[in-house]
PDB file of N, CA and C in Angstrom:
ATOM      1  N   MET A   1     -17.096  -2.003 -12.689  1.00  0.00           N
ATOM      2  CA  MET A   1     -16.798  -3.361 -12.304  1.00  0.00           C
ATOM      3  C   MET A   1     -15.282  -3.504 -12.214  1.00  0.00           C
ATOM      4  N   THR A   2     -14.823  -4.138 -11.158  1.00  0.00           N
ATOM      5  CA  THR A   2     -13.406  -4.437 -11.019  1.00  0.00           C
ATOM      6  C   THR A   2     -13.220  -5.949 -10.989  1.00  0.00           C
ATOM      7  N   VAL A   3     -12.123  -6.401 -11.561  1.00  0.00           N
ATOM      8  CA  VAL A   3     -11.773  -7.821 -11.564  1.00  0.00           C
ATOM      9  C   VAL A   3     -10.312  -7.921 -11.159  1.00  0.00           C
ATOM     10  N   ARG A   4     -10.005  -8.844 -10.258  1.00  0.00           N
ATOM     11  CA  ARG A   4      -8.630  -8.998  -9.807  1.00  0.00           C
ATOM     12  C   ARG A   4      -8.389 -10.424  -9.337  1.00  0.00           C
ATOM     13  N   VAL A   5      -7.127 -10.823  -9.330  1.00  0.00           N
ATOM     14  CA  VAL A   5      -6.724 -12.032  -8.631  1.00  0.00           C
ATOM     15  C   VAL A   5      -6.242 -11.547  -7.278  1.00  0.00           C
ATOM     16  N   TRP A   6      -6.818 -12.097  -6.230  1.00  0.00           N
ATOM     17  CA  TRP A   6      -6.529 -11.641  -4.875  1.00  0.00           C
ATOM     18  C   TRP A   6      -5.987 -12.803  -4.068  1.00  0.00           C
ATOM     19  N   ASP A   7      -4.914 -12.564  -3.333  1.00  0.00           N
ATOM     20  CA  ASP A   7      -4.432 -13.590  -2.421  1.00  0.00           C
ATOM     21  C   ASP A   7      -4.038 -12.954  -1.098  1.00  0.00           C
ATOM     22  N   THR A   8      -4.047 -13.801  -0.077  1.00  0.00           N
ATOM     23  CA  THR A   8      -3.765 -13.325   1.274  1.00  0.00           C
ATOM     24  C   THR A   8      -3.295 -14.490   2.123  1.00  0.00           C
ATOM     25  N   THR A   9      -2.619 -14.179   3.193  1.00  0.00           N
ATOM     26  CA  THR A   9      -2.341 -15.170   4.223  1.00  0.00           C
ATOM     27  C   THR A   9      -3.586 -15.253   5.098  1.00  0.00           C
ATOM     28  N   ALA A  10      -3.528 -16.033   6.150  1.00  0.00           N
ATOM     29  CA  ALA A  10      -4.673 -16.155   7.059  1.00  0.00           C
ATOM     30  C   ALA A  10      -5.161 -14.768   7.471  1.00  0.00           C
ATOM     31  N   CYS A  11      -6.489 -14.581   7.465  1.00  0.00           N
ATOM     32  CA  CYS A  11      -7.043 -13.276   7.832  1.00  0.00           C
ATOM     33  C   CYS A  11      -8.486 -13.410   8.273  1.00  0.00           C
ATOM     34  N   ASN A  12      -8.944 -12.401   8.975  1.00  0.00           N
ATOM     35  CA  ASN A  12     -10.340 -12.281   9.389  1.00  0.00           C
ATOM     36  C   ASN A  12     -10.808 -10.883   9.042  1.00  0.00           C
ATOM     37  N   ARG A  13     -11.977 -10.774   8.429  1.00  0.00           N
ATOM     38  CA  ARG A  13     -12.582  -9.470   8.184  1.00  0.00           C
ATOM     39  C   ARG A  13     -13.829  -9.412   9.055  1.00  0.00           C
ATOM     40  N   GLU A  14     -13.862  -8.461   9.930  1.00  0.00           N
ATOM     41  CA  GLU A  14     -14.993  -8.339  10.854  1.00  0.00           C
ATOM     42  C   GLU A  14     -16.286  -8.055  10.106  1.00  0.00           C
ATOM     43  N   ARG A  15     -17.387  -8.257  10.785  1.00  0.00           N
ATOM     44  CA  ARG A  15     -18.714  -8.080  10.200  1.00  0.00           C
ATOM     45  C   ARG A  15     -18.827  -6.715   9.539  1.00  0.00           C
ATOM     46  N   SER A  16     -19.269  -6.726   8.291  1.00  0.00           N
ATOM     47  CA  SER A  16     -19.449  -5.486   7.539  1.00  0.00           C
ATOM     48  C   SER A  16     -20.540  -5.704   6.504  1.00  0.00           C
ATOM     49  N   THR A  17     -20.933  -4.629   5.856  1.00  0.00           N
ATOM     50  CA  THR A  17     -21.960  -4.681   4.812  1.00  0.00           C
ATOM     51  C   THR A  17     -21.281  -4.587   3.455  1.00  0.00           C
ATOM     52  N   ALA A  18     -21.586  -5.524   2.571  1.00  0.00           N
ATOM     53  CA  ALA A  18     -21.004  -5.526   1.226  1.00  0.00           C
ATOM     54  C   ALA A  18     -21.424  -4.255   0.488  1.00  0.00           C
ATOM     55  N   GLN A  19     -20.449  -3.513  -0.014  1.00  0.00           N
ATOM     56  CA  GLN A  19     -20.715  -2.254  -0.700  1.00  0.00           C
ATOM     57  C   GLN A  19     -20.936  -2.440  -2.199  1.00  0.00           C
ATOM     58  N   ALA A  20     -20.719  -3.655  -2.696  1.00  0.00           N
ATOM     59  CA  ALA A  20     -20.896  -3.966  -4.115  1.00  0.00           C
ATOM     60  C   ALA A  20     -21.388  -5.406  -4.216  1.00  0.00           C
ATOM     61  N   HIS A  21     -21.879  -5.800  -5.385  1.00  0.00           N
ATOM     62  CA  HIS A  21     -22.160  -7.203  -5.652  1.00  0.00           C
ATOM     63  C   HIS A  21     -20.804  -7.851  -5.895  1.00  0.00           C
ATOM     64  N   GLU A  22     -20.500  -8.960  -5.209  1.00  0.00           N
ATOM     65  CA  GLU A  22     -19.193  -9.587  -5.310  1.00  0.00           C
ATOM     66  C   GLU A  22     -19.323 -11.026  -5.785  1.00  0.00           C
ATOM     67  N   TRP A  23     -18.543 -11.367  -6.817  1.00  0.00           N
ATOM     68  CA  TRP A  23     -18.462 -12.722  -7.349  1.00  0.00           C
ATOM     69  C   TRP A  23     -17.053 -13.206  -7.078  1.00  0.00           C
ATOM     70  N   THR A  24     -16.921 -14.403  -6.488  1.00  0.00           N
ATOM     71  CA  THR A  24     -15.601 -14.929  -6.128  1.00  0.00           C
ATOM     72  C   THR A  24     -15.483 -16.380  -6.568  1.00  0.00           C
ATOM     73  N   HIS A  25     -14.356 -16.706  -7.210  1.00  0.00           N
ATOM     74  CA  HIS A  25     -14.028 -18.092  -7.559  1.00  0.00           C
ATOM     75  C   HIS A  25     -12.736 -18.446  -6.826  1.00  0.00           C
ATOM     76  N   VAL A  26     -12.791 -19.464  -5.966  1.00  0.00           N
ATOM     77  CA  VAL A  26     -11.655 -19.836  -5.131  1.00  0.00           C
ATOM     78  C   VAL A  26     -10.653 -20.659  -5.945  1.00  0.00           C
ATOM     79  N   LEU A  27      -9.416 -20.149  -6.034  1.00  0.00           N
ATOM     80  CA  LEU A  27      -8.343 -20.845  -6.742  1.00  0.00           C
ATOM     81  C   LEU A  27      -7.528 -21.731  -5.803  1.00  0.00           C
ATOM     82  N   ASP A  28      -7.382 -21.319  -4.547  1.00  0.00           N
ATOM     83  CA  ASP A  28      -6.607 -22.076  -3.576  1.00  0.00           C
ATOM     84  C   ASP A  28      -7.046 -21.683  -2.175  1.00  0.00           C
ATOM     85  N   GLY A  29      -7.026 -22.628  -1.255  1.00  0.00           N
ATOM     86  CA  GLY A  29      -7.394 -22.360   0.126  1.00  0.00           C
ATOM     87  C   GLY A  29      -8.890 -22.450   0.354  1.00  0.00           C
ATOM     88  N   SER A  30      -9.328 -21.819   1.435  1.00  0.00           N
ATOM     89  CA  SER A  30     -10.750 -21.842   1.782  1.00  0.00           C
ATOM     90  C   SER A  30     -11.114 -20.577   2.551  1.00  0.00           C
ATOM     91  N   VAL A  31     -12.410 -20.325   2.609  1.00  0.00           N
ATOM     92  CA  VAL A  31     -12.934 -19.169   3.325  1.00  0.00           C
ATOM     93  C   VAL A  31     -14.284 -19.551   3.932  1.00  0.00           C
ATOM     94  N   THR A  32     -14.589 -18.999   5.083  1.00  0.00           N
ATOM     95  CA  THR A  32     -15.894 -19.193   5.709  1.00  0.00           C
ATOM     96  C   THR A  32     -16.530 -17.831   5.911  1.00  0.00           C
ATOM     97  N   LEU A  33     -17.747 -17.673   5.388  1.00  0.00           N
ATOM     98  CA  LEU A  33     -18.526 -16.454   5.577  1.00  0.00           C
ATOM     99  C   LEU A  33     -19.623 -16.765   6.573  1.00  0.00           C
ATOM    100  N   THR A  34     -19.870 -15.844   7.492  1.00  0.00           N
ATOM    101  CA  THR A  34     -20.970 -15.983   8.435  1.00  0.00           C
ATOM    102  C   THR A  34     -21.909 -14.814   8.202  1.00  0.00           C
ATOM    103  N   ASP A  35     -23.182 -15.131   7.924  1.00  0.00           N
ATOM    104  CA  ASP A  35     -24.134 -14.061   7.610  1.00  0.00           C
ATOM    105  C   ASP A  35     -24.746 -13.486   8.881  1.00  0.00           C
ATOM    106  N   GLU A  36     -25.602 -12.508   8.697  1.00  0.00           N
ATOM    107  CA  GLU A  36     -26.200 -11.775   9.809  1.00  0.00           C
ATOM    108  C   GLU A  36     -27.025 -12.675  10.730  1.00  0.00           C
ATOM    109  N   ALA A  37     -27.576 -13.767  10.158  1.00  0.00           N
ATOM    110  CA  ALA A  37     -28.388 -14.697  10.950  1.00  0.00           C
ATOM    111  C   ALA A  37     -27.529 -15.718  11.686  1.00  0.00           C
ATOM    112  N   GLY A  38     -26.199 -15.678  11.472  1.00  0.00           N
ATOM    113  CA  GLY A  38     -25.302 -16.611  12.141  1.00  0.00           C
ATOM    114  C   GLY A  38     -25.046 -17.893  11.361  1.00  0.00           C
ATOM    115  N   MET A  39     -25.587 -17.992  10.145  1.00  0.00           N
ATOM    116  CA  MET A  39     -25.351 -19.174   9.316  1.00  0.00           C
ATOM    117  C   MET A  39     -23.973 -19.079   8.677  1.00  0.00           C
ATOM    118  N   THR A  40     -23.222 -20.187   8.702  1.00  0.00           N
ATOM    119  CA  THR A  40     -21.899 -20.204   8.097  1.00  0.00           C
ATOM    120  C   THR A  40     -21.962 -20.844   6.719  1.00  0.00           C
ATOM    121  N   HIS A  41     -21.131 -20.334   5.828  1.00  0.00           N
ATOM    122  CA  HIS A  41     -21.043 -20.824   4.450  1.00  0.00           C
ATOM    123  C   HIS A  41     -19.558 -21.020   4.161  1.00  0.00           C
ATOM    124  N   HIS A  42     -19.165 -22.283   3.895  1.00  0.00           N
ATOM    125  CA  HIS A  42     -17.754 -22.615   3.694  1.00  0.00           C
ATOM    126  C   HIS A  42     -17.493 -22.861   2.206  1.00  0.00           C
ATOM    127  N   PHE A  43     -16.439 -22.245   1.681  1.00  0.00           N
ATOM    128  CA  PHE A  43     -16.075 -22.392   0.271  1.00  0.00           C
ATOM    129  C   PHE A  43     -14.607 -22.784   0.191  1.00  0.00           C
ATOM    130  N   LYS A  44     -14.300 -23.713  -0.734  1.00  0.00           N
ATOM    131  CA  LYS A  44     -12.942 -24.207  -0.899  1.00  0.00           C
ATOM    132  C   LYS A  44     -12.545 -24.150  -2.374  1.00  0.00           C
ATOM    133  N   LYS A  45     -11.311 -24.548  -2.662  1.00  0.00           N
ATOM    134  CA  LYS A  45     -10.778 -24.544  -4.019  1.00  0.00           C
ATOM    135  C   LYS A  45     -11.787 -25.132  -5.005  1.00  0.00           C
ATOM    136  N   GLY A  46     -12.063 -24.367  -6.077  1.00  0.00           N
ATOM    137  CA  GLY A  46     -13.006 -24.802  -7.107  1.00  0.00           C
ATOM    138  C   GLY A  46     -14.415 -24.266  -6.929  1.00  0.00           C
ATOM    139  N   ASP A  47     -14.740 -23.755  -5.744  1.00  0.00           N
ATOM    140  CA  ASP A  47     -16.079 -23.211  -5.488  1.00  0.00           C
ATOM    141  C   ASP A  47     -16.185 -21.773  -5.994  1.00  0.00           C
ATOM    142  N   THR A  48     -17.401 -21.394  -6.354  1.00  0.00           N
ATOM    143  CA  THR A  48     -17.718 -20.033  -6.780  1.00  0.00           C
ATOM    144  C   THR A  48     -18.920 -19.565  -5.972  1.00  0.00           C
ATOM    145  N   PHE A  49     -18.884 -18.309  -5.513  1.00  0.00           N
ATOM    146  CA  PHE A  49     -20.010 -17.796  -4.739  1.00  0.00           C
ATOM    147  C   PHE A  49     -20.224 -16.313  -5.018  1.00  0.00           C
ATOM    148  N   VAL A  50     -21.426 -15.842  -4.685  1.00  0.00           N
ATOM    149  CA  VAL A  50     -21.814 -14.442  -4.872  1.00  0.00           C
ATOM    150  C   VAL A  50     -22.296 -13.895  -3.536  1.00  0.00           C
ATOM    151  N   VAL A  51     -21.872 -12.675  -3.226  1.00  0.00           N
ATOM    152  CA  VAL A  51     -22.387 -11.943  -2.077  1.00  0.00           C
ATOM    153  C   VAL A  51     -23.066 -10.694  -2.644  1.00  0.00           C
ATOM    154  N   ALA A  52     -24.355 -10.573  -2.405  1.00  0.00           N
ATOM    155  CA  ALA A  52     -25.122  -9.442  -2.932  1.00  0.00           C
ATOM    156  C   ALA A  52     -24.811  -8.164  -2.147  1.00  0.00           C
ATOM    157  N   ARG A  53     -24.825  -7.056  -2.860  1.00  0.00           N
ATOM    158  CA  ARG A  53     -24.642  -5.743  -2.225  1.00  0.00           C
ATOM    159  C   ARG A  53     -25.640  -5.605  -1.081  1.00  0.00           C
ATOM    160  N   GLY A  54     -25.166  -5.117   0.058  1.00  0.00           N
ATOM    161  CA  GLY A  54     -26.031  -4.934   1.220  1.00  0.00           C
ATOM    162  C   GLY A  54     -26.023  -6.100   2.190  1.00  0.00           C
ATOM    163  N   THR A  55     -25.402  -7.223   1.812  1.00  0.00           N
ATOM    164  CA  THR A  55     -25.344  -8.383   2.696  1.00  0.00           C
ATOM    165  C   THR A  55     -24.376  -8.117   3.847  1.00  0.00           C
ATOM    166  N   VAL A  56     -24.823  -8.391   5.063  1.00  0.00           N
ATOM    167  CA  VAL A  56     -23.978  -8.236   6.244  1.00  0.00           C
ATOM    168  C   VAL A  56     -23.327  -9.591   6.529  1.00  0.00           C
ATOM    169  N   HIS A  57     -21.995  -9.604   6.633  1.00  0.00           N
ATOM    170  CA  HIS A  57     -21.285 -10.864   6.851  1.00  0.00           C
ATOM    171  C   HIS A  57     -19.867 -10.604   7.357  1.00  0.00           C
ATOM    172  N   ASP A  58     -19.264 -11.669   7.902  1.00  0.00           N
ATOM    173  CA  ASP A  58     -17.832 -11.611   8.182  1.00  0.00           C
ATOM    174  C   ASP A  58     -17.152 -12.667   7.327  1.00  0.00           C
ATOM    175  N   TRP A  59     -15.823 -12.630   7.298  1.00  0.00           N
ATOM    176  CA  TRP A  59     -15.032 -13.397   6.348  1.00  0.00           C
ATOM    177  C   TRP A  59     -13.825 -13.933   7.100  1.00  0.00           C
ATOM    178  N   ARG A  60     -13.601 -15.249   7.073  1.00  0.00           N
ATOM    179  CA  ARG A  60     -12.469 -15.847   7.788  1.00  0.00           C
ATOM    180  C   ARG A  60     -11.711 -16.820   6.883  1.00  0.00           C
ATOM    181  N   CYS A  61     -10.419 -16.570   6.709  1.00  0.00           N
ATOM    182  CA  CYS A  61      -9.530 -17.438   5.945  1.00  0.00           C
ATOM    183  C   CYS A  61      -8.548 -18.064   6.934  1.00  0.00           C
ATOM    184  N   PRO A  62      -8.564 -19.405   7.100  1.00  0.00           N
ATOM    185  CA  PRO A  62      -7.684 -20.029   8.087  1.00  0.00           C
ATOM    186  C   PRO A  62      -6.220 -20.114   7.654  1.00  0.00           C
ATOM    187  N   GLY A  63      -5.946 -19.935   6.371  1.00  0.00           N
ATOM    188  CA  GLY A  63      -4.578 -20.015   5.852  1.00  0.00           C
ATOM    189  C   GLY A  63      -4.500 -19.277   4.537  1.00  0.00           C
ATOM    190  N   TYR A  64      -3.534 -19.637   3.720  1.00  0.00           N
ATOM    191  CA  TYR A  64      -3.382 -18.990   2.419  1.00  0.00           C
ATOM    192  C   TYR A  64      -4.679 -19.109   1.625  1.00  0.00           C
ATOM    193  N   PHE A  65      -5.039 -18.025   0.926  1.00  0.00           N
ATOM    194  CA  PHE A  65      -6.271 -17.980   0.129  1.00  0.00           C
ATOM    195  C   PHE A  65      -5.981 -17.205  -1.143  1.00  0.00           C
ATOM    196  N   CYS A  66      -6.443 -17.741  -2.279  1.00  0.00           N
ATOM    197  CA  CYS A  66      -6.269 -17.072  -3.566  1.00  0.00           C
ATOM    198  C   CYS A  66      -7.564 -17.231  -4.355  1.00  0.00           C
ATOM    199  N   ALA A  67      -8.032 -16.140  -4.980  1.00  0.00           N
ATOM    200  CA  ALA A  67      -9.303 -16.186  -5.693  1.00  0.00           C
ATOM    201  C   ALA A  67      -9.340 -15.159  -6.813  1.00  0.00           C
ATOM    202  N   ILE A  68     -10.198 -15.420  -7.781  1.00  0.00           N
ATOM    203  CA  ILE A  68     -10.579 -14.396  -8.753  1.00  0.00           C
ATOM    204  C   ILE A  68     -11.763 -13.684  -8.118  1.00  0.00           C
ATOM    205  N   HIS A  69     -11.667 -12.374  -7.993  1.00  0.00           N
ATOM    206  CA  HIS A  69     -12.702 -11.595  -7.310  1.00  0.00           C
ATOM    207  C   HIS A  69     -13.195 -10.498  -8.240  1.00  0.00           C
ATOM    208  N   CYS A  70     -14.502 -10.439  -8.426  1.00  0.00           N
ATOM    209  CA  CYS A  70     -15.129  -9.394  -9.242  1.00  0.00           C
ATOM    210  C   CYS A  70     -16.106  -8.624  -8.362  1.00  0.00           C
ATOM    211  N   ALA A  71     -16.090  -7.313  -8.468  1.00  0.00           N
ATOM    212  CA  ALA A  71     -17.014  -6.469  -7.708  1.00  0.00           C
ATOM    213  C   ALA A  71     -17.731  -5.542  -8.678  1.00  0.00           C
ATOM    214  N   PHE A  72     -19.052  -5.531  -8.578  1.00  0.00           N
ATOM    215  CA  PHE A  72     -19.862  -4.653  -9.429  1.00  0.00           C
ATOM    216  C   PHE A  72     -20.571  -3.656  -8.552  1.00  0.00           C
ATOM    217  N   GLN A  73     -20.287  -2.377  -8.782  1.00  0.00           N
ATOM    218  CA  GLN A  73     -20.912  -1.282  -8.034  1.00  0.00           C
ATOM    219  C   GLN A  73     -21.846  -0.556  -8.978  1.00  0.00           C
ATOM    220  N   PRO A  74     -23.170  -0.754  -8.862  1.00  0.00           N
ATOM    221  CA  PRO A  74     -24.092  -0.060  -9.760  1.00  0.00           C
ATOM    222  C   PRO A  74     -24.053   1.449  -9.538  1.00  0.00           C
ATOM    223  N   LYS A  75     -24.249   2.181 -10.619  1.00  0.00           N
ATOM    224  CA  LYS A  75     -24.333   3.650 -10.520  1.00  0.00           C
ATOM    225  C   LYS A  75     -25.643   4.022  -9.863  1.00  0.00           C
ATOM    226  N   ALA A  76     -25.626   5.122  -9.143  1.00  0.00           N
ATOM    227  CA  ALA A  76     -26.863   5.613  -8.506  1.00  0.00           C
ATOM    228  C   ALA A  76     -27.819   6.099  -9.586  1.00  0.00           C
ATOM    229  N   LEU A  77     -29.106   5.852  -9.346  1.00  0.00           N
ATOM    230  CA  LEU A  77     -30.126   6.332 -10.273  1.00  0.00           C
ATOM    231  C   LEU A  77     -30.295   7.833 -10.125  1.00  0.00           C
ATOM    232  N   SER A  78     -30.433   8.527 -11.230  1.00  0.00           N
ATOM    233  CA  SER A  78     -30.604   9.992 -11.182  1.00  0.00           C
ATOM    234  C   SER A  78     -32.041  10.353 -10.954  1.00  0.00           C
TER     235      SER A  78
END
């Protein structure tokens, strides 16, 4: 599991598959995620959200964005 405070200027992350379970708490700014079905999910300062491993989505930040971000990568079963 990794935990970090992450910030960025405006950015777009193209559609990809989440490689870990991700927990995010927005400290400043906003982000919009669009899932594989085309549904948009908007999060702003004070919101917390989870993206499950394997979820296909894109990520768009219209301006400055700062968040606490945790990623959990389960170990492969033997």
